[in-house]
Amino acid sequence: MSAAHDRRVDAIIAEALQLPPQSRQNLLEQLEDSLQGDFEAPPGVLEAWAAEIESRLEAYDKGVLQARDASAALEEIRATFRKNSAQRTAS
């Protein structure tokens, strides 16, 4: 991808982040819908995901891995995304 393309994507993301939460949710759903059928996982990826899920469930059942609150985990991801997006925009 070109630098101009990256800047355009960054500008779209920055603008989208200014939308109200419901509008962002609608945008997310439309983007997800637009990808349906366009993406095929490379060979072995689905099997690797399944194995990872099984491994994590087993670790959780054994008490080796602890669960996290989904809303707290999502907020942490969002905060990281906002920070990274702001850094890219400032560059």
C-alpha atoms as a PDB file:
ATOM      1  CA  MET A   1       0.000   0.000   0.000  1.00  0.00           C
ATOM      2  CA  SER A   2       1.141   3.498  -0.731  1.00  0.00           C
ATOM      3  CA  ALA A   3       1.709   6.251   1.800  1.00  0.00           C
ATOM      4  CA  ALA A   4      -1.187   8.183   0.234  1.00  0.00           C
ATOM      5  CA  HIS A   5      -3.445   5.169   0.699  1.00  0.00           C
ATOM      6  CA  ASP A   6      -2.336   4.816   4.333  1.00  0.00           C
ATOM      7  CA  ARG A   7      -3.039   8.514   4.974  1.00  0.00           C
ATOM      8  CA  ARG A   8      -6.492   8.189   3.406  1.00  0.00           C
ATOM      9  CA  VAL A   9      -7.291   5.164   5.573  1.00  0.00           C
ATOM     10  CA  ASP A  10      -6.007   6.979   8.675  1.00  0.00           C
ATOM     11  CA  ALA A  11      -8.195   9.989   7.818  1.00  0.00           C
ATOM     12  CA  ILE A  12     -11.254   7.766   7.373  1.00  0.00           C
ATOM     13  CA  ILE A  13     -10.572   6.065  10.705  1.00  0.00           C
ATOM     14  CA  ALA A  14     -10.080   9.386  12.470  1.00  0.00           C
ATOM     15  CA  GLU A  15     -13.354  10.682  11.036  1.00  0.00           C
ATOM     16  CA  ALA A  16     -15.190   7.465  11.928  1.00  0.00           C
ATOM     17  CA  LEU A  17     -13.964   7.692  15.525  1.00  0.00           C
ATOM     18  CA  GLN A  18     -15.696  11.067  15.818  1.00  0.00           C
ATOM     19  CA  LEU A  19     -19.093   9.492  15.094  1.00  0.00           C
ATOM     20  CA  PRO A  20     -21.531   8.756  17.918  1.00  0.00           C
ATOM     21  CA  PRO A  21     -21.322   5.185  19.274  1.00  0.00           C
ATOM     22  CA  GLN A  22     -24.434   3.926  17.443  1.00  0.00           C
ATOM     23  CA  SER A  23     -23.163   5.297  14.135  1.00  0.00           C
ATOM     24  CA  ARG A  24     -19.784   3.636  14.702  1.00  0.00           C
ATOM     25  CA  GLN A  25     -21.589   0.370  15.451  1.00  0.00           C
ATOM     26  CA  ASN A  26     -23.594   0.688  12.230  1.00  0.00           C
ATOM     27  CA  LEU A  27     -20.421   1.421  10.284  1.00  0.00           C
ATOM     28  CA  LEU A  28     -18.697  -1.589  11.819  1.00  0.00           C
ATOM     29  CA  GLU A  29     -21.599  -3.860  10.886  1.00  0.00           C
ATOM     30  CA  GLN A  30     -21.614  -2.561   7.316  1.00  0.00           C
ATOM     31  CA  LEU A  31     -17.868  -3.098   6.993  1.00  0.00           C
ATOM     32  CA  GLU A  32     -18.147  -6.622   8.404  1.00  0.00           C
ATOM     33  CA  ASP A  33     -21.018  -7.389   6.040  1.00  0.00           C
ATOM     34  CA  SER A  34     -18.959  -6.125   3.113  1.00  0.00           C
ATOM     35  CA  LEU A  35     -16.254  -8.675   3.930  1.00  0.00           C
ATOM     36  CA  GLN A  36     -18.531 -11.688   4.087  1.00  0.00           C
ATOM     37  CA  GLY A  37     -17.537 -14.108   1.379  1.00  0.00           C
ATOM     38  CA  ASP A  38     -14.511 -12.020   0.382  1.00  0.00           C
ATOM     39  CA  PHE A  39     -12.162 -13.595   2.867  1.00  0.00           C
ATOM     40  CA  GLU A  40     -10.873 -17.114   2.941  1.00  0.00           C
ATOM     41  CA  ALA A  41      -8.458 -18.099   5.641  1.00  0.00           C
ATOM     42  CA  PRO A  42      -5.170 -19.477   4.334  1.00  0.00           C
ATOM     43  CA  PRO A  43      -4.800 -23.248   4.549  1.00  0.00           C
ATOM     44  CA  GLY A  44      -4.289 -24.425   8.112  1.00  0.00           C
ATOM     45  CA  VAL A  45      -5.456 -21.220   9.796  1.00  0.00           C
ATOM     46  CA  LEU A  46      -8.898 -22.479  10.809  1.00  0.00           C
ATOM     47  CA  GLU A  47      -7.351 -25.643  12.220  1.00  0.00           C
ATOM     48  CA  ALA A  48      -4.773 -23.579  14.111  1.00  0.00           C
ATOM     49  CA  TRP A  49      -7.521 -21.348  15.542  1.00  0.00           C
ATOM     50  CA  ALA A  50      -9.498 -24.399  16.646  1.00  0.00           C
ATOM     51  CA  ALA A  51      -6.413 -25.889  18.311  1.00  0.00           C
ATOM     52  CA  GLU A  52      -5.685 -22.582  20.081  1.00  0.00           C
ATOM     53  CA  ILE A  53      -9.262 -22.346  21.334  1.00  0.00           C
ATOM     54  CA  GLU A  54      -9.132 -25.903  22.656  1.00  0.00           C
ATOM     55  CA  SER A  55      -5.777 -25.212  24.317  1.00  0.00           C
ATOM     56  CA  ARG A  56      -7.073 -22.092  26.034  1.00  0.00           C
ATOM     57  CA  LEU A  57     -10.267 -23.807  27.189  1.00  0.00           C
ATOM     58  CA  GLU A  58      -8.210 -26.643  28.637  1.00  0.00           C
ATOM     59  CA  ALA A  59      -5.895 -24.176  30.399  1.00  0.00           C
ATOM     60  CA  TYR A  60      -8.928 -22.331  31.782  1.00  0.00           C
ATOM     61  CA  ASP A  61     -10.492 -25.577  33.011  1.00  0.00           C
ATOM     62  CA  LYS A  62      -7.219 -26.459  34.770  1.00  0.00           C
ATOM     63  CA  GLY A  63      -7.015 -23.027  36.401  1.00  0.00           C
ATOM     64  CA  VAL A  64      -3.850 -22.108  34.478  1.00  0.00           C
ATOM     65  CA  LEU A  65      -5.584 -19.372  32.509  1.00  0.00           C
ATOM     66  CA  GLN A  66      -7.968 -16.870  34.043  1.00  0.00           C
ATOM     67  CA  ALA A  67     -10.936 -15.278  32.329  1.00  0.00           C
ATOM     68  CA  ARG A  68     -11.152 -11.528  31.884  1.00  0.00           C
ATOM     69  CA  ASP A  69     -14.190  -9.324  31.848  1.00  0.00           C
ATOM     70  CA  ALA A  70     -15.088  -8.842  28.177  1.00  0.00           C
ATOM     71  CA  SER A  71     -16.006  -5.166  28.501  1.00  0.00           C
ATOM     72  CA  ALA A  72     -12.728  -4.380  30.281  1.00  0.00           C
ATOM     73  CA  ALA A  73     -10.737  -6.300  27.671  1.00  0.00           C
ATOM     74  CA  LEU A  74     -12.540  -4.523  24.836  1.00  0.00           C
ATOM     75  CA  GLU A  75     -11.929  -1.132  26.439  1.00  0.00           C
ATOM     76  CA  GLU A  76      -8.222  -1.962  26.709  1.00  0.00           C
ATOM     77  CA  ILE A  77      -8.180  -2.875  23.009  1.00  0.00           C
ATOM     78  CA  ARG A  78     -10.040   0.329  22.116  1.00  0.00           C
ATOM     79  CA  ALA A  79      -7.637   2.434  24.176  1.00  0.00           C
ATOM     80  CA  THR A  80      -4.670   0.831  22.431  1.00  0.00           C
ATOM     81  CA  PHE A  81      -6.310   1.429  19.052  1.00  0.00           C
ATOM     82  CA  ARG A  82      -6.984   5.092  19.892  1.00  0.00           C
ATOM     83  CA  LYS A  83      -3.398   5.568  21.064  1.00  0.00           C
ATOM     84  CA  ASN A  84      -1.940   3.924  17.941  1.00  0.00           C
ATOM     85  CA  SER A  85      -4.303   5.841  15.679  1.00  0.00           C
ATOM     86  CA  ALA A  86      -3.364   9.134  17.318  1.00  0.00           C
ATOM     87  CA  GLN A  87       0.329   8.320  16.916  1.00  0.00           C
ATOM     88  CA  ARG A  88      -0.127   7.531  13.204  1.00  0.00           C
ATOM     89  CA  THR A  89      -2.132  10.723  12.685  1.00  0.00           C
ATOM     90  CA  ALA A  90       0.539  12.798  14.438  1.00  0.00           C
ATOM     91  CA  SER A  91       3.310  11.367  12.241  1.00  0.00           C
END
